[in-house]
Structures are given as C-alpha cells and as structure tokens.
Amino acid sequence: MSKLSSNIYDIDGNIIRKAGEGRFTIEETEQLVDDLTKKVQENPDNEVYKVYLNNAQKWLMHLYDNMSREDLIKRMSIIQDSIKDAKNETTSAEQTMLDKVNEAVEELKKEYENENTEPDTAPTEPETVGEPELVEPVEQTVENNDTLTQ
C-alpha cells in the first residue's frame, strides 16, 4: 500500500496525517515537534516518542533549510511579533530575556537581508589544501523499528 494513499498513525493509534493531505507544512511540523516534545517530557522512558521527535525535528530543519531567503525573513518578522506579544504577559526578568532574543533575531534578519545585497566575493575556483579527507558514513540504528505506522 502506498504511503500517499494511507493514513499515518502514531504509536497510540492517533491519526497524524490523513491520506491525500500532502506533506507537512512548516507550521504543522512545528506543532508536531511541540506536541512530541511534551510527550517525551511526560514519558521520558518511551524510546518511540524520542524517535518520532527526532524525525519531526529533522523534517523541520529540512523545511527551514529549503526556505527562500524572503520567506525566512518573513518568518523572522513573525517571530519578532510573537516576542513583542509575549512581553505583555511577562515579568521584567522575562522581558529582558525576550529583548535579548529579539535582538538576536534582528541581527540574523539583517544578515540575511545583507546577503541579498552584497556582491558575491567567493573565489571562482575553490582552494584545496592538502589531501581530501575520507570520512566513513555513520549508520544510525534504532532498536525498535516502530516509527510511523500505517
């Protein structure tokens, strides 16, 4: 049976994704990561939840890595707005921490905006120093193969 034409369930029998709904969006994946983080915190001995969380986090990073610069800048603006909203409901110590987070996001946003306007200064041919290093592939094994079940 094709994964595209079947529902995806978690270990508890809850439906994660219905057939035909397509891929997870960034927002859906962020929500899934949040939900799975809570499940891992509530059930620290459950290795399957940890595998689910790891898979969801990897997918989220994949989605972030493939975002266009413009979408990433928009996303950072949304994060900044969320920080401003959160400051209204916090103590002064928490507000100071949120200010620091907001400054860091602003610096990242400026870096991405500047990348758009700076000329490409990379050399035309890559420099090689010494012999290339061979790296052995790392294999990941999971004792319990109960990832997402259909």
Protein backbone atom coordinates (compact mmCIF):
# COMPACT_ATOMS: atom_id res chain seq x y z
CA MET A 1 0.00 0.00 0.00
CA SER A 2 1.37 3.44 -0.90
CA LYS A 3 2.14 5.93 1.85
CA LEU A 4 0.32 8.56 -0.17
CA SER A 5 -2.92 6.62 -0.11
CA SER A 6 -2.96 5.59 3.55
CA ASN A 7 -3.38 7.32 6.89
CA ILE A 8 -0.40 7.68 9.22
CA TYR A 9 -0.89 6.87 12.91
CA ASP A 10 1.31 7.29 15.97
CA ILE A 11 2.06 4.52 18.45
CA ASP A 12 -1.04 5.44 20.48
CA GLY A 13 -3.32 4.94 17.48
CA ASN A 14 -3.90 8.68 16.98
CA ILE A 15 -4.02 9.81 13.37
CA ILE A 16 -1.09 12.01 12.45
CA ARG A 17 -1.82 12.56 8.78
CA LYS A 18 -4.79 11.56 6.65
CA ALA A 19 -4.31 10.09 3.21
CA GLY A 20 -4.11 12.67 0.44
CA GLU A 21 -3.31 15.65 2.67
CA GLY A 22 0.14 16.06 1.16
CA ARG A 23 3.33 16.94 3.00
CA PHE A 24 3.53 18.65 6.38
CA THR A 25 3.83 22.43 6.25
CA ILE A 26 6.29 24.28 8.47
CA GLU A 27 3.52 25.32 10.84
CA GLU A 28 2.17 21.77 11.10
CA THR A 29 5.66 20.39 11.65
CA GLU A 30 6.39 22.97 14.35
CA GLN A 31 3.16 21.99 16.10
CA LEU A 32 4.06 18.30 15.79
CA VAL A 33 7.51 18.97 17.30
CA ASP A 34 5.87 20.86 20.19
CA ASP A 35 3.38 18.03 20.80
CA LEU A 36 6.05 15.34 20.63
CA THR A 37 8.34 17.33 22.94
CA LYS A 38 5.57 17.34 25.55
CA LYS A 39 5.05 13.59 25.08
CA VAL A 40 8.77 12.91 25.53
CA GLN A 41 8.80 15.06 28.69
CA GLU A 42 5.76 13.23 30.06
CA ASN A 43 7.14 9.79 29.08
CA PRO A 44 10.96 10.02 29.30
CA ASP A 45 11.39 6.24 29.08
CA ASN A 46 9.41 5.86 25.85
CA GLU A 47 12.06 5.49 23.15
CA VAL A 48 9.48 5.51 20.33
CA TYR A 49 8.40 9.06 21.18
CA LYS A 50 12.06 10.08 21.08
CA VAL A 51 12.40 8.58 17.59
CA TYR A 52 9.22 10.40 16.47
CA LEU A 53 10.55 13.67 17.90
CA ASN A 54 13.93 13.20 16.24
CA ASN A 55 12.28 12.50 12.87
CA ALA A 56 9.97 15.53 13.19
CA GLN A 57 12.89 17.78 14.15
CA LYS A 58 14.90 16.58 11.15
CA TRP A 59 11.95 17.26 8.83
CA LEU A 60 11.54 20.74 10.33
CA MET A 61 15.22 21.51 9.79
CA HIS A 62 14.86 20.27 6.20
CA LEU A 63 11.93 22.62 5.68
CA TYR A 64 13.87 25.55 7.19
CA ASP A 65 16.93 24.77 5.06
CA ASN A 66 14.84 24.84 1.88
CA MET A 67 13.07 28.12 2.61
CA SER A 68 13.79 31.03 0.33
CA ARG A 69 15.61 33.98 1.85
CA GLU A 70 12.46 36.11 1.54
CA ASP A 71 10.33 33.51 3.36
CA LEU A 72 12.97 33.20 6.07
CA ILE A 73 12.99 36.97 6.60
CA LYS A 74 9.16 36.98 6.80
CA ARG A 75 9.34 34.12 9.33
CA MET A 76 11.77 36.11 11.46
CA SER A 77 9.39 39.07 11.40
CA ILE A 78 6.59 36.79 12.64
CA ILE A 79 8.86 35.56 15.44
CA GLN A 80 9.62 39.15 16.41
CA ASP A 81 5.91 39.95 16.54
CA SER A 82 5.34 36.90 18.77
CA ILE A 83 8.10 38.07 21.09
CA LYS A 84 6.50 41.52 21.35
CA ASP A 85 3.14 39.93 22.18
CA ALA A 86 4.73 37.66 24.79
CA LYS A 87 6.39 40.63 26.50
CA ASN A 88 2.97 41.97 27.51
CA GLU A 89 2.37 38.94 29.74
CA THR A 90 5.80 38.52 31.38
CA THR A 91 7.81 39.67 34.38
CA SER A 92 10.64 42.17 34.00
CA ALA A 93 13.28 39.41 34.06
CA GLU A 94 11.45 37.54 31.30
CA GLN A 95 11.06 40.78 29.33
CA THR A 96 14.83 41.30 29.47
CA MET A 97 15.38 37.79 28.13
CA LEU A 98 12.81 38.34 25.36
CA ASP A 99 14.58 41.61 24.44
CA LYS A 100 17.84 39.69 24.03
CA VAL A 101 16.15 37.05 21.88
CA ASN A 102 14.53 39.77 19.78
CA GLU A 103 17.92 41.47 19.27
CA ALA A 104 19.47 38.18 18.15
CA VAL A 105 16.63 37.58 15.68
CA GLU A 106 17.01 41.13 14.38
CA GLU A 107 20.75 40.58 13.82
CA LEU A 108 20.05 37.34 11.93
CA LYS A 109 17.40 39.07 9.86
CA LYS A 110 19.85 41.85 8.94
CA GLU A 111 22.48 39.28 7.96
CA TYR A 112 20.03 37.56 5.61
CA GLU A 113 18.93 40.89 4.15
CA ASN A 114 22.57 41.93 3.64
CA GLU A 115 23.36 38.65 1.87
CA ASN A 116 20.83 39.69 -0.75
CA THR A 117 22.59 42.99 -1.43
CA GLU A 118 26.28 42.09 -1.02
CA PRO A 119 28.22 41.16 -4.16
CA ASP A 120 29.48 37.61 -4.40
CA THR A 121 33.08 37.68 -3.18
CA ALA A 122 33.73 33.96 -3.38
CA PRO A 123 36.75 32.90 -5.41
CA THR A 124 35.99 31.45 -8.82
CA GLU A 125 37.93 28.25 -8.13
CA PRO A 126 37.82 26.52 -4.76
CA GLU A 127 41.11 26.29 -2.91
CA THR A 128 42.33 22.88 -1.93
CA VAL A 129 44.72 22.44 0.95
CA GLY A 130 46.38 19.07 1.30
CA GLU A 131 44.73 15.76 0.53
CA PRO A 132 40.96 15.34 0.83
CA GLU A 133 39.93 13.53 3.97
CA LEU A 134 37.92 10.33 3.72
CA VAL A 135 35.05 10.20 6.15
CA GLU A 136 33.30 6.94 7.00
CA PRO A 137 29.48 7.09 6.79
CA VAL A 138 27.70 6.91 10.12
CA GLU A 139 24.92 4.37 10.42
CA GLN A 140 22.01 5.06 12.72
CA THR A 141 20.27 2.09 14.19
CA VAL A 142 17.03 2.01 16.07
CA GLU A 143 16.33 -0.98 18.25
CA ASN A 144 12.59 -0.61 17.87
CA ASN A 145 11.52 -0.11 14.26
CA ASP A 146 8.10 1.20 15.29
CA THR A 147 8.32 4.57 13.61
CA LEU A 148 5.21 5.91 11.97
CA THR A 149 2.86 3.05 11.31
CA GLN A 150 0.25 2.88 8.66
